[in-house]
Full PDB file with SEQRES, HELIX, SHEET, SSBOND, CRYST1, ORIGX, SCALE, CONECT and MASTER records, all heavy atoms in Angstrom:
SEQRES   1 A   37  ARG PHE PHE LEU HIS VAL THR ASP PHE PRO MET ALA ASP          
SEQRES   2 A   37  LEU LEU PHE ILE ILE GLY THR SER LEU GLU VAL GLU PRO          
SEQRES   3 A   37  PHE ALA SER LEU ALA GLY ALA VAL ARG SER SER                  
HELIX    1 AA1 PHE A    2  LEU A    4  5                                   3    
HELIX    2 AA2 HIS A    5  MET A   11  1                                   7    
HELIX    3 AA3 PHE A   27  GLY A   32  5                                   6    
CRYST1    1.000    1.000    1.000  90.00  90.00  90.00 P 1           1          
ORIGX1      1.000000  0.000000  0.000000        0.00000                         
ORIGX2      0.000000  1.000000  0.000000        0.00000                         
ORIGX3      0.000000  0.000000  1.000000        0.00000                         
SCALE1      1.000000  0.000000  0.000000        0.00000                         
SCALE2      0.000000  1.000000  0.000000        0.00000                         
SCALE3      0.000000  0.000000  1.000000        0.00000                         
ATOM      1  N   ARG A   1       0.846  -1.222  -0.010  1.00  0.00           N  
ATOM      2  CA  ARG A   1       0.013  -0.009   0.000  1.00  0.00           C  
ATOM      3  C   ARG A   1       0.856   1.266  -0.025  1.00  0.00           C  
ATOM      4  O   ARG A   1       0.380   2.321  -0.437  1.00  0.00           O  
ATOM      5  CB  ARG A   1      -0.931   0.037   1.213  1.00  0.00           C  
ATOM      6  CG  ARG A   1      -2.135  -0.835   1.062  1.00  0.00           C  
ATOM      7  CD  ARG A   1      -3.064  -0.720   2.284  1.00  0.00           C  
ATOM      8  NE  ARG A   1      -3.663   0.634   2.429  1.00  0.00           N  
ATOM      9  CZ  ARG A   1      -4.661   1.075   1.653  1.00  0.00           C  
ATOM     10  NH1 ARG A   1      -5.144   0.369   0.725  1.00  0.00           N  
ATOM     11  NH2 ARG A   1      -5.123   2.301   1.880  1.00  0.00           N  
ATOM     12  N   PHE A   2       2.072   1.180   0.476  1.00  0.00           N  
ATOM     13  CA  PHE A   2       2.948   2.334   0.568  1.00  0.00           C  
ATOM     14  C   PHE A   2       3.079   2.939  -0.844  1.00  0.00           C  
ATOM     15  O   PHE A   2       3.253   4.143  -0.987  1.00  0.00           O  
ATOM     16  CB  PHE A   2       4.309   1.960   1.124  1.00  0.00           C  
ATOM     17  CG  PHE A   2       5.258   3.140   1.223  1.00  0.00           C  
ATOM     18  CD1 PHE A   2       5.103   4.099   2.196  1.00  0.00           C  
ATOM     19  CD2 PHE A   2       6.322   3.267   0.335  1.00  0.00           C  
ATOM     20  CE1 PHE A   2       5.974   5.190   2.272  1.00  0.00           C  
ATOM     21  CE2 PHE A   2       7.176   4.388   0.418  1.00  0.00           C  
ATOM     22  CZ  PHE A   2       7.018   5.308   1.394  1.00  0.00           C  
ATOM     23  N   PHE A   3       3.038   2.085  -1.881  1.00  0.00           N  
ATOM     24  CA  PHE A   3       3.286   2.597  -3.238  1.00  0.00           C  
ATOM     25  C   PHE A   3       2.121   3.361  -3.817  1.00  0.00           C  
ATOM     26  O   PHE A   3       2.203   3.873  -4.920  1.00  0.00           O  
ATOM     27  CB  PHE A   3       3.798   1.423  -4.126  1.00  0.00           C  
ATOM     28  CG  PHE A   3       5.067   0.863  -3.562  1.00  0.00           C  
ATOM     29  CD1 PHE A   3       5.074  -0.290  -2.778  1.00  0.00           C  
ATOM     30  CD2 PHE A   3       6.286   1.573  -3.713  1.00  0.00           C  
ATOM     31  CE1 PHE A   3       6.252  -0.720  -2.181  1.00  0.00           C  
ATOM     32  CE2 PHE A   3       7.446   1.104  -3.148  1.00  0.00           C  
ATOM     33  CZ  PHE A   3       7.437  -0.045  -2.377  1.00  0.00           C  
ATOM     34  N   LEU A   4       1.038   3.452  -3.082  1.00  0.00           N  
ATOM     35  CA  LEU A   4      -0.064   4.357  -3.466  1.00  0.00           C  
ATOM     36  C   LEU A   4       0.452   5.808  -3.570  1.00  0.00           C  
ATOM     37  O   LEU A   4      -0.194   6.617  -4.235  1.00  0.00           O  
ATOM     38  CB  LEU A   4      -1.202   4.300  -2.432  1.00  0.00           C  
ATOM     39  CG  LEU A   4      -2.155   3.097  -2.479  1.00  0.00           C  
ATOM     40  CD1 LEU A   4      -3.022   3.095  -1.224  1.00  0.00           C  
ATOM     41  CD2 LEU A   4      -2.990   3.108  -3.733  1.00  0.00           C  
ATOM     42  N   HIS A   5       1.571   6.072  -2.898  1.00  0.00           N  
ATOM     43  CA  HIS A   5       2.082   7.469  -2.893  1.00  0.00           C  
ATOM     44  C   HIS A   5       2.378   7.937  -4.358  1.00  0.00           C  
ATOM     45  O   HIS A   5       2.310   9.140  -4.644  1.00  0.00           O  
ATOM     46  CB  HIS A   5       3.323   7.618  -2.035  1.00  0.00           C  
ATOM     47  CG  HIS A   5       4.599   6.996  -2.588  1.00  0.00           C  
ATOM     48  ND1 HIS A   5       5.342   7.614  -3.558  1.00  0.00           N  
ATOM     49  CD2 HIS A   5       5.224   5.846  -2.308  1.00  0.00           C  
ATOM     50  CE1 HIS A   5       6.370   6.892  -3.848  1.00  0.00           C  
ATOM     51  NE2 HIS A   5       6.336   5.797  -3.117  1.00  0.00           N  
ATOM     52  N   VAL A   6       2.667   6.981  -5.219  1.00  0.00           N  
ATOM     53  CA  VAL A   6       2.990   7.339  -6.604  1.00  0.00           C  
ATOM     54  C   VAL A   6       1.830   8.107  -7.249  1.00  0.00           C  
ATOM     55  O   VAL A   6       2.032   9.041  -8.003  1.00  0.00           O  
ATOM     56  CB  VAL A   6       3.354   6.096  -7.419  1.00  0.00           C  
ATOM     57  CG1 VAL A   6       3.597   6.444  -8.880  1.00  0.00           C  
ATOM     58  CG2 VAL A   6       4.571   5.405  -6.821  1.00  0.00           C  
ATOM     59  N   THR A   7       0.596   7.713  -6.911  1.00  0.00           N  
ATOM     60  CA  THR A   7      -0.571   8.441  -7.464  1.00  0.00           C  
ATOM     61  C   THR A   7      -1.127   9.468  -6.473  1.00  0.00           C  
ATOM     62  O   THR A   7      -1.657  10.504  -6.894  1.00  0.00           O  
ATOM     63  CB  THR A   7      -1.673   7.473  -7.911  1.00  0.00           C  
ATOM     64  OG1 THR A   7      -1.917   6.564  -6.852  1.00  0.00           O  
ATOM     65  CG2 THR A   7      -1.277   6.742  -9.150  1.00  0.00           C  
ATOM     66  N   ASP A   8      -1.052   9.191  -5.176  1.00  0.00           N  
ATOM     67  CA  ASP A   8      -1.648  10.089  -4.183  1.00  0.00           C  
ATOM     68  C   ASP A   8      -1.023  11.449  -4.128  1.00  0.00           C  
ATOM     69  O   ASP A   8      -1.684  12.488  -4.151  1.00  0.00           O  
ATOM     70  CB  ASP A   8      -1.559   9.474  -2.779  1.00  0.00           C  
ATOM     71  CG  ASP A   8      -2.629   8.400  -2.505  1.00  0.00           C  
ATOM     72  OD1 ASP A   8      -3.544   8.294  -3.325  1.00  0.00           O  
ATOM     73  OD2 ASP A   8      -2.510   7.705  -1.481  1.00  0.00           O  
ATOM     74  N   PHE A   9       0.319  11.483  -4.018  1.00  0.00           N  
ATOM     75  CA  PHE A   9       0.997  12.761  -3.759  1.00  0.00           C  
ATOM     76  C   PHE A   9       0.861  13.775  -4.923  1.00  0.00           C  
ATOM     77  O   PHE A   9       0.609  14.943  -4.663  1.00  0.00           O  
ATOM     78  CB  PHE A   9       2.451  12.540  -3.346  1.00  0.00           C  
ATOM     79  CG  PHE A   9       2.534  12.211  -1.862  1.00  0.00           C  
ATOM     80  CD1 PHE A   9       2.126  10.995  -1.372  1.00  0.00           C  
ATOM     81  CD2 PHE A   9       3.041  13.145  -0.948  1.00  0.00           C  
ATOM     82  CE1 PHE A   9       2.178  10.675  -0.021  1.00  0.00           C  
ATOM     83  CE2 PHE A   9       3.099  12.847   0.412  1.00  0.00           C  
ATOM     84  CZ  PHE A   9       2.666  11.612   0.865  1.00  0.00           C  
ATOM     85  N   PRO A  10       0.939  13.317  -6.175  1.00  0.00           N  
ATOM     86  CA  PRO A  10       0.725  14.322  -7.256  1.00  0.00           C  
ATOM     87  C   PRO A  10      -0.716  14.847  -7.286  1.00  0.00           C  
ATOM     88  O   PRO A  10      -0.957  15.922  -7.850  1.00  0.00           O  
ATOM     89  CB  PRO A  10       1.030  13.497  -8.526  1.00  0.00           C  
ATOM     90  CG  PRO A  10       1.863  12.355  -8.052  1.00  0.00           C  
ATOM     91  CD  PRO A  10       1.378  12.030  -6.697  1.00  0.00           C  
ATOM     92  N   MET A  11      -1.664  14.102  -6.659  1.00  0.00           N  
ATOM     93  CA  MET A  11      -3.067  14.596  -6.678  1.00  0.00           C  
ATOM     94  C   MET A  11      -3.403  15.537  -5.540  1.00  0.00           C  
ATOM     95  O   MET A  11      -4.403  16.252  -5.559  1.00  0.00           O  
ATOM     96  CB  MET A  11      -4.015  13.352  -6.521  1.00  0.00           C  
ATOM     97  CG  MET A  11      -4.275  12.604  -7.798  1.00  0.00           C  
ATOM     98  SD  MET A  11      -5.118  11.058  -7.434  1.00  0.00           S  
ATOM     99  CE  MET A  11      -6.672  11.654  -6.767  1.00  0.00           C  
ATOM    100  N   ALA A  12      -2.547  15.548  -4.515  1.00  0.00           N  
ATOM    101  CA  ALA A  12      -2.867  16.311  -3.294  1.00  0.00           C  
ATOM    102  C   ALA A  12      -2.867  17.820  -3.580  1.00  0.00           C  
ATOM    103  O   ALA A  12      -2.088  18.305  -4.407  1.00  0.00           O  
ATOM    104  CB  ALA A  12      -1.870  15.984  -2.203  1.00  0.00           C  
ATOM    105  N   ASP A  13      -3.772  18.563  -2.862  1.00  0.00           N  
ATOM    106  CA  ASP A  13      -3.668  20.005  -3.028  1.00  0.00           C  
ATOM    107  C   ASP A  13      -3.256  20.673  -1.705  1.00  0.00           C  
ATOM    108  O   ASP A  13      -3.276  21.890  -1.596  1.00  0.00           O  
ATOM    109  CB  ASP A  13      -4.977  20.603  -3.608  1.00  0.00           C  
ATOM    110  CG  ASP A  13      -6.239  20.114  -2.880  1.00  0.00           C  
ATOM    111  OD1 ASP A  13      -6.117  19.615  -1.738  1.00  0.00           O  
ATOM    112  OD2 ASP A  13      -7.285  20.216  -3.506  1.00  0.00           O  
ATOM    113  N   LEU A  14      -2.957  19.848  -0.702  1.00  0.00           N  
ATOM    114  CA  LEU A  14      -2.401  20.374   0.573  1.00  0.00           C  
ATOM    115  C   LEU A  14      -1.758  19.197   1.278  1.00  0.00           C  
ATOM    116  O   LEU A  14      -2.339  18.102   1.282  1.00  0.00           O  
ATOM    117  CB  LEU A  14      -3.495  20.967   1.431  1.00  0.00           C  
ATOM    118  CG  LEU A  14      -3.131  21.462   2.844  1.00  0.00           C  
ATOM    119  CD1 LEU A  14      -2.153  22.622   2.781  1.00  0.00           C  
ATOM    120  CD2 LEU A  14      -4.348  21.842   3.631  1.00  0.00           C  
ATOM    121  N   LEU A  15      -0.579  19.390   1.855  1.00  0.00           N  
ATOM    122  CA  LEU A  15       0.074  18.310   2.592  1.00  0.00           C  
ATOM    123  C   LEU A  15       0.310  18.743   4.026  1.00  0.00           C  
ATOM    124  O   LEU A  15       1.002  19.744   4.286  1.00  0.00           O  
ATOM    125  CB  LEU A  15       1.419  17.954   1.940  1.00  0.00           C  
ATOM    126  CG  LEU A  15       2.292  16.916   2.679  1.00  0.00           C  
ATOM    127  CD1 LEU A  15       1.580  15.577   2.777  1.00  0.00           C  
ATOM    128  CD2 LEU A  15       3.645  16.735   1.966  1.00  0.00           C  
ATOM    129  N   PHE A  16      -0.263  18.001   4.972  1.00  0.00           N  
ATOM    130  CA  PHE A  16       0.046  18.237   6.385  1.00  0.00           C  
ATOM    131  C   PHE A  16       1.156  17.248   6.810  1.00  0.00           C  
ATOM    132  O   PHE A  16       1.050  16.073   6.450  1.00  0.00           O  
ATOM    133  CB  PHE A  16      -1.189  17.925   7.297  1.00  0.00           C  
ATOM    134  CG  PHE A  16      -2.225  19.004   7.255  1.00  0.00           C  
ATOM    135  CD1 PHE A  16      -3.467  18.769   6.720  1.00  0.00           C  
ATOM    136  CD2 PHE A  16      -1.968  20.277   7.785  1.00  0.00           C  
ATOM    137  CE1 PHE A  16      -4.479  19.761   6.688  1.00  0.00           C  
ATOM    138  CE2 PHE A  16      -2.941  21.271   7.757  1.00  0.00           C  
ATOM    139  CZ  PHE A  16      -4.168  21.005   7.228  1.00  0.00           C  
ATOM    140  N   ILE A  17       2.142  17.740   7.517  1.00  0.00           N  
ATOM    141  CA  ILE A  17       3.184  16.861   8.064  1.00  0.00           C  
ATOM    142  C   ILE A  17       3.180  17.103   9.561  1.00  0.00           C  
ATOM    143  O   ILE A  17       3.524  18.192  10.029  1.00  0.00           O  
ATOM    144  CB  ILE A  17       4.551  17.193   7.441  1.00  0.00           C  
ATOM    145  CG1 ILE A  17       4.522  16.985   5.904  1.00  0.00           C  
ATOM    146  CG2 ILE A  17       5.656  16.354   8.069  1.00  0.00           C  
ATOM    147  CD1 ILE A  17       5.715  17.536   5.170  1.00  0.00           C  
ATOM    148  N   ILE A  18       2.767  16.078  10.334  1.00  0.00           N  
ATOM    149  CA  ILE A  18       2.509  16.275  11.708  1.00  0.00           C  
ATOM    150  C   ILE A  18       3.290  15.323  12.562  1.00  0.00           C  
ATOM    151  O   ILE A  18       3.161  14.090  12.458  1.00  0.00           O  
ATOM    152  CB  ILE A  18       0.987  16.122  12.017  1.00  0.00           C  
ATOM    153  CG1 ILE A  18       0.156  16.996  11.072  1.00  0.00           C  
ATOM    154  CG2 ILE A  18       0.691  16.507  13.503  1.00  0.00           C  
ATOM    155  CD1 ILE A  18      -1.344  16.877  11.290  1.00  0.00           C  
ATOM    156  N   GLY A  19       4.139  15.862  13.463  1.00  0.00           N  
ATOM    157  CA  GLY A  19       4.799  15.055  14.473  1.00  0.00           C  
ATOM    158  C   GLY A  19       5.764  13.984  13.952  1.00  0.00           C  
ATOM    159  O   GLY A  19       5.708  12.865  14.347  1.00  0.00           O  
ATOM    160  N   THR A  20       6.656  14.366  13.039  1.00  0.00           N  
ATOM    161  CA  THR A  20       7.641  13.420  12.570  1.00  0.00           C  
ATOM    162  C   THR A  20       8.989  14.079  12.418  1.00  0.00           C  
ATOM    163  O   THR A  20       9.081  15.243  12.077  1.00  0.00           O  
ATOM    164  CB  THR A  20       7.235  12.774  11.215  1.00  0.00           C  
ATOM    165  OG1 THR A  20       8.358  12.095  10.663  1.00  0.00           O  
ATOM    166  CG2 THR A  20       6.694  13.803  10.237  1.00  0.00           C  
ATOM    167  N   SER A  21      10.058  13.255  12.651  1.00  0.00           N  
ATOM    168  CA  SER A  21      11.423  13.814  12.482  1.00  0.00           C  
ATOM    169  C   SER A  21      11.862  13.830  11.051  1.00  0.00           C  
ATOM    170  O   SER A  21      12.912  14.338  10.703  1.00  0.00           O  
ATOM    171  CB  SER A  21      12.389  12.976  13.332  1.00  0.00           C  
ATOM    172  OG  SER A  21      12.342  11.647  12.880  1.00  0.00           O  
ATOM    173  N   LEU A  22      11.079  13.179  10.152  1.00  0.00           N  
ATOM    174  CA  LEU A  22      11.446  13.059   8.750  1.00  0.00           C  
ATOM    175  C   LEU A  22      12.862  12.521   8.607  1.00  0.00           C  
ATOM    176  O   LEU A  22      13.629  12.979   7.776  1.00  0.00           O  
ATOM    177  CB  LEU A  22      11.239  14.353   7.970  1.00  0.00           C  
ATOM    178  CG  LEU A  22       9.818  14.829   7.695  1.00  0.00           C  
ATOM    179  CD1 LEU A  22       9.817  16.106   6.868  1.00  0.00           C  
ATOM    180  CD2 LEU A  22       9.018  13.748   6.954  1.00  0.00           C  
ATOM    181  N   GLU A  23      13.200  11.518   9.397  1.00  0.00           N  
ATOM    182  CA  GLU A  23      14.567  10.945   9.338  1.00  0.00           C  
ATOM    183  C   GLU A  23      14.594   9.579   8.669  1.00  0.00           C  
ATOM    184  O   GLU A  23      15.647   9.127   8.224  1.00  0.00           O  
ATOM    185  CB  GLU A  23      15.136  10.835  10.737  1.00  0.00           C  
ATOM    186  CG  GLU A  23      15.693  12.114  11.294  1.00  0.00           C  
ATOM    187  CD  GLU A  23      16.187  12.007  12.696  1.00  0.00           C  
ATOM    188  OE1 GLU A  23      16.250  10.885  13.232  1.00  0.00           O  
ATOM    189  OE2 GLU A  23      16.485  13.046  13.311  1.00  0.00           O  
ATOM    190  N   VAL A  24      13.485   8.886   8.675  1.00  0.00           N  
ATOM    191  CA  VAL A  24      13.487   7.482   8.219  1.00  0.00           C  
ATOM    192  C   VAL A  24      13.005   7.422   6.757  1.00  0.00           C  
ATOM    193  O   VAL A  24      11.928   7.854   6.448  1.00  0.00           O  
ATOM    194  CB  VAL A  24      12.553   6.608   9.126  1.00  0.00           C  
ATOM    195  CG1 VAL A  24      12.564   5.169   8.648  1.00  0.00           C  
ATOM    196  CG2 VAL A  24      12.989   6.687  10.572  1.00  0.00           C  
ATOM    197  N   GLU A  25      13.856   6.873   5.925  1.00  0.00           N  
ATOM    198  CA  GLU A  25      13.531   6.722   4.522  1.00  0.00           C  
ATOM    199  C   GLU A  25      12.881   5.303   4.308  1.00  0.00           C  
ATOM    200  O   GLU A  25      13.176   4.407   5.057  1.00  0.00           O  
ATOM    201  CB  GLU A  25      14.783   6.842   3.651  1.00  0.00           C  
ATOM    202  CG  GLU A  25      15.388   8.247   3.646  1.00  0.00           C  
ATOM    203  CD  GLU A  25      14.493   9.298   2.979  1.00  0.00           C  
ATOM    204  OE1 GLU A  25      13.394   8.947   2.453  1.00  0.00           O  
ATOM    205  OE2 GLU A  25      14.856  10.473   3.020  1.00  0.00           O  
ATOM    206  N   PRO A  26      12.068   5.131   3.239  1.00  0.00           N  
ATOM    207  CA  PRO A  26      11.733   6.112   2.232  1.00  0.00           C  
ATOM    208  C   PRO A  26      10.587   7.073   2.628  1.00  0.00           C  
ATOM    209  O   PRO A  26      10.208   7.965   1.883  1.00  0.00           O  
ATOM    210  CB  PRO A  26      11.280   5.245   1.039  1.00  0.00           C  
ATOM    211  CG  PRO A  26      10.770   3.993   1.672  1.00  0.00           C  
ATOM    212  CD  PRO A  26      11.544   3.790   2.942  1.00  0.00           C  
ATOM    213  N   PHE A  27      10.020   6.896   3.824  1.00  0.00           N  
ATOM    214  CA  PHE A  27       8.864   7.716   4.251  1.00  0.00           C  
ATOM    215  C   PHE A  27       9.190   9.201   4.160  1.00  0.00           C  
ATOM    216  O   PHE A  27       8.432   9.997   3.607  1.00  0.00           O  
ATOM    217  CB  PHE A  27       8.478   7.357   5.715  1.00  0.00           C  
ATOM    218  CG  PHE A  27       7.219   8.009   6.184  1.00  0.00           C  
ATOM    219  CD1 PHE A  27       5.971   7.423   5.956  1.00  0.00           C  
ATOM    220  CD2 PHE A  27       7.263   9.246   6.863  1.00  0.00           C  
ATOM    221  CE1 PHE A  27       4.796   8.012   6.418  1.00  0.00           C  
ATOM    222  CE2 PHE A  27       6.083   9.841   7.351  1.00  0.00           C  
ATOM    223  CZ  PHE A  27       4.849   9.234   7.095  1.00  0.00           C  
ATOM    224  N   ALA A  28      10.375   9.551   4.659  1.00  0.00           N  
ATOM    225  CA  ALA A  28      10.734  10.974   4.753  1.00  0.00           C  
ATOM    226  C   ALA A  28      10.677  11.716   3.378  1.00  0.00           C  
ATOM    227  O   ALA A  28      10.257  12.881   3.293  1.00  0.00           O  
ATOM    228  CB  ALA A  28      12.119  11.172   5.373  1.00  0.00           C  
ATOM    229  N   SER A  29      11.093  11.021   2.328  1.00  0.00           N  
ATOM    230  CA  SER A  29      11.199  11.667   1.010  1.00  0.00           C  
ATOM    231  C   SER A  29       9.854  11.998   0.455  1.00  0.00           C  
ATOM    232  O   SER A  29       9.729  12.757  -0.491  1.00  0.00           O  
ATOM    233  CB  SER A  29      12.009  10.795   0.044  1.00  0.00           C  
ATOM    234  OG  SER A  29      11.395   9.560  -0.059  1.00  0.00           O  
ATOM    235  N   LEU A  30       8.730  11.418   0.990  1.00  0.00           N  
ATOM    236  CA  LEU A  30       7.391  11.748   0.546  1.00  0.00           C  
ATOM    237  C   LEU A  30       7.096  13.226   0.705  1.00  0.00           C  
ATOM    238  O   LEU A  30       6.294  13.783  -0.048  1.00  0.00           O  
ATOM    239  CB  LEU A  30       6.352  10.912   1.298  1.00  0.00           C  
ATOM    240  CG  LEU A  30       6.345   9.438   1.087  1.00  0.00           C  
ATOM    241  CD1 LEU A  30       5.223   8.762   1.878  1.00  0.00           C  
ATOM    242  CD2 LEU A  30       6.249   9.040  -0.373  1.00  0.00           C  
ATOM    243  N   ALA A  31       7.770  13.884   1.675  1.00  0.00           N  
ATOM    244  CA  ALA A  31       7.531  15.316   1.906  1.00  0.00           C  
ATOM    245  C   ALA A  31       7.841  16.118   0.650  1.00  0.00           C  
ATOM    246  O   ALA A  31       7.262  17.197   0.436  1.00  0.00           O  
ATOM    247  CB  ALA A  31       8.391  15.811   3.050  1.00  0.00           C  
ATOM    248  N   GLY A  32       8.701  15.600  -0.219  1.00  0.00           N  
ATOM    249  CA  GLY A  32       9.036  16.314  -1.440  1.00  0.00           C  
ATOM    250  C   GLY A  32       8.235  15.862  -2.651  1.00  0.00           C  
ATOM    251  O   GLY A  32       8.495  16.305  -3.764  1.00  0.00           O  
ATOM    252  N   ALA A  33       7.273  14.984  -2.421  1.00  0.00           N  
ATOM    253  CA  ALA A  33       6.570  14.330  -3.588  1.00  0.00           C  
ATOM    254  C   ALA A  33       5.344  15.076  -4.045  1.00  0.00           C  
ATOM    255  O   ALA A  33       4.737  14.728  -5.060  1.00  0.00           O  
ATOM    256  CB  ALA A  33       6.213  12.888  -3.207  1.00  0.00           C  
ATOM    257  N   VAL A  34       4.893  16.135  -3.316  1.00  0.00           N  
ATOM    258  CA  VAL A  34       3.782  16.932  -3.813  1.00  0.00           C  
ATOM    259  C   VAL A  34       4.296  17.964  -4.814  1.00  0.00           C  
ATOM    260  O   VAL A  34       5.474  18.310  -4.814  1.00  0.00           O  
ATOM    261  CB  VAL A  34       3.004  17.662  -2.665  1.00  0.00           C  
ATOM    262  CG1 VAL A  34       2.247  16.679  -1.851  1.00  0.00           C  
ATOM    263  CG2 VAL A  34       3.941  18.485  -1.831  1.00  0.00           C  
ATOM    264  N   ARG A  35       3.405  18.409  -5.692  1.00  0.00           N  
ATOM    265  CA  ARG A  35       3.792  19.406  -6.701  1.00  0.00           C  
ATOM    266  C   ARG A  35       4.276  20.670  -5.947  1.00  0.00           C  
ATOM    267  O   ARG A  35       3.859  20.998  -4.851  1.00  0.00           O  
ATOM    268  CB  ARG A  35       2.578  19.753  -7.548  1.00  0.00           C  
ATOM    269  CG  ARG A  35       2.149  18.644  -8.483  1.00  0.00           C  
ATOM    270  CD  ARG A  35       0.787  18.799  -9.054  1.00  0.00           C  
ATOM    271  NE  ARG A  35      -0.251  18.698  -7.991  1.00  0.00           N  
ATOM    272  CZ  ARG A  35      -1.348  19.426  -7.965  1.00  0.00           C  
ATOM    273  NH1 ARG A  35      -1.617  20.320  -8.910  1.00  0.00           N  
ATOM    274  NH2 ARG A  35      -2.209  19.261  -6.982  1.00  0.00           N  
ATOM    275  N   SER A  36       5.167  21.427  -6.634  1.00  0.00           N  
ATOM    276  CA  SER A  36       5.786  22.570  -5.956  1.00  0.00           C  
ATOM    277  C   SER A  36       4.792  23.708  -5.703  1.00  0.00           C  
ATOM    278  O   SER A  36       5.025  24.536  -4.795  1.00  0.00           O  
ATOM    279  CB  SER A  36       6.947  23.117  -6.789  1.00  0.00           C  
ATOM    280  OG  SER A  36       6.466  23.499  -8.068  1.00  0.00           O  
ATOM    281  N   SER A  37       3.645  23.678  -6.352  1.00  0.00           N  
ATOM    282  CA  SER A  37       2.612  24.694  -6.094  1.00  0.00           C  
ATOM    283  C   SER A  37       1.765  24.383  -4.870  1.00  0.00           C  
ATOM    284  O   SER A  37       0.941  25.184  -4.463  1.00  0.00           O  
ATOM    285  CB  SER A  37       1.712  24.839  -7.315  1.00  0.00           C  
ATOM    286  OG  SER A  37       1.083  23.587  -7.565  1.00  0.00           O  
TER     287      SER A  37                                                      
MASTER        0    0    0    3    0    0    0    6  286    1    0    3          
END                                                                             
């Protein structure tokens, strides 16, 4: 299910990141997976 990110993140129009150190990969890199706008 983790690979749903391939379609989910480009579709998002807002990303909340709550309570994480963003240190553990590959989870952390999802923060950069939304469109730059």
